[in-house]
C-alpha cells in the first residue's frame, strides 16, 4: 500500500508514530519520516494511524501498485 503524508499539514503530534512505529517515526521534535510503500502486514496499524491524525495529513492509497515499484 502506498502512503502520502502532507508534510505541510502535519503538525508533529506523532500519533502515527505511536500507532505504526514500523512505518512512521519522528526525527528530532517535529520532522516526520515515513515509509511511502508500507508492507501489507502493517495495514491495520496504518489505518489506525491515519484515523488518529488530528489534522488528517495521512492518505492511504489502496490501489495494487505491485507492478509499478
Protein backbone atom coordinates (compact mmCIF):
# COMPACT_ATOMS: atom_id res chain seq x y z
CA UNK A 1 0.00 0.00 0.00
CA UNK A 2 1.22 3.49 -0.82
CA UNK A 3 1.22 6.28 1.75
CA UNK A 4 1.33 10.00 1.22
CA UNK A 5 1.73 12.44 4.10
CA UNK A 6 1.01 16.12 3.57
CA UNK A 7 4.06 17.42 5.42
CA UNK A 8 2.75 20.99 5.19
CA UNK A 9 -0.35 19.93 7.10
CA UNK A 10 1.47 17.64 9.58
CA UNK A 11 1.90 19.32 12.96
CA UNK A 12 4.11 16.67 14.58
CA UNK A 13 1.55 15.29 17.02
CA UNK A 14 3.19 11.86 16.44
CA UNK A 15 0.03 9.80 16.86
CA UNK A 16 1.05 7.91 13.72
CA UNK A 17 4.49 7.11 15.16
CA UNK A 18 2.90 5.66 18.29
CA UNK A 19 0.35 3.57 16.37
CA UNK A 20 2.55 2.39 13.47
CA UNK A 21 6.18 2.70 14.61
CA UNK A 22 7.45 0.45 11.81
CA UNK A 23 6.10 2.90 9.23
CA UNK A 24 6.26 6.36 10.86
CA UNK A 25 8.94 7.97 13.05
CA UNK A 26 9.76 11.43 14.32
CA UNK A 27 13.24 12.72 13.60
CA UNK A 28 14.02 15.32 16.20
CA UNK A 29 10.99 17.02 17.69
CA UNK A 30 8.89 17.68 14.60
CA UNK A 31 10.29 16.14 11.39
CA UNK A 32 8.24 13.12 10.31
CA UNK A 33 9.88 10.25 8.47
CA UNK A 34 7.74 7.54 6.91
CA UNK A 35 7.88 4.57 4.58
CA UNK A 36 5.97 5.53 1.40
CA UNK A 37 5.32 1.88 0.50
CA UNK A 38 4.23 0.09 3.66
CA UNK A 39 4.09 -3.67 3.88
CA UNK A 40 0.58 -5.14 3.72
CA UNK A 41 1.10 -6.61 7.20
CA UNK A 42 1.04 -3.03 8.54
CA UNK A 43 -2.40 -2.24 7.08
CA UNK A 44 -4.23 -2.26 10.43
CA UNK A 45 -1.63 -0.10 12.17
CA UNK A 46 -1.52 2.35 9.25
CA UNK A 47 -5.33 2.61 9.15
CA UNK A 48 -5.39 3.40 12.88
CA UNK A 49 -2.58 5.92 12.47
CA UNK A 50 -4.35 7.70 9.59
CA UNK A 51 -7.62 7.81 11.54
CA UNK A 52 -5.86 9.16 14.64
CA UNK A 53 -4.08 12.01 12.84
CA UNK A 54 -5.62 15.19 14.30
CA UNK A 55 -5.06 17.13 11.06
CA UNK A 56 -5.82 14.23 8.65
CA UNK A 57 -2.42 14.56 6.93
CA UNK A 58 -2.10 10.84 6.01
CA UNK A 59 -3.51 9.44 2.78
CA UNK A 60 -3.53 5.67 2.24
CA UNK A 61 -3.71 4.56 -1.40
CA UNK A 62 -5.17 1.06 -1.57
CA UNK A 63 -4.55 0.53 -5.28
CA UNK A 64 -2.50 -2.51 -6.21
CA UNK A 65 0.80 -0.94 -7.20
CA UNK A 66 2.86 -4.13 -7.12
CA UNK A 67 3.79 -3.81 -10.79
CA UNK A 68 4.69 -0.12 -10.50
CA UNK A 69 7.52 -0.34 -7.99
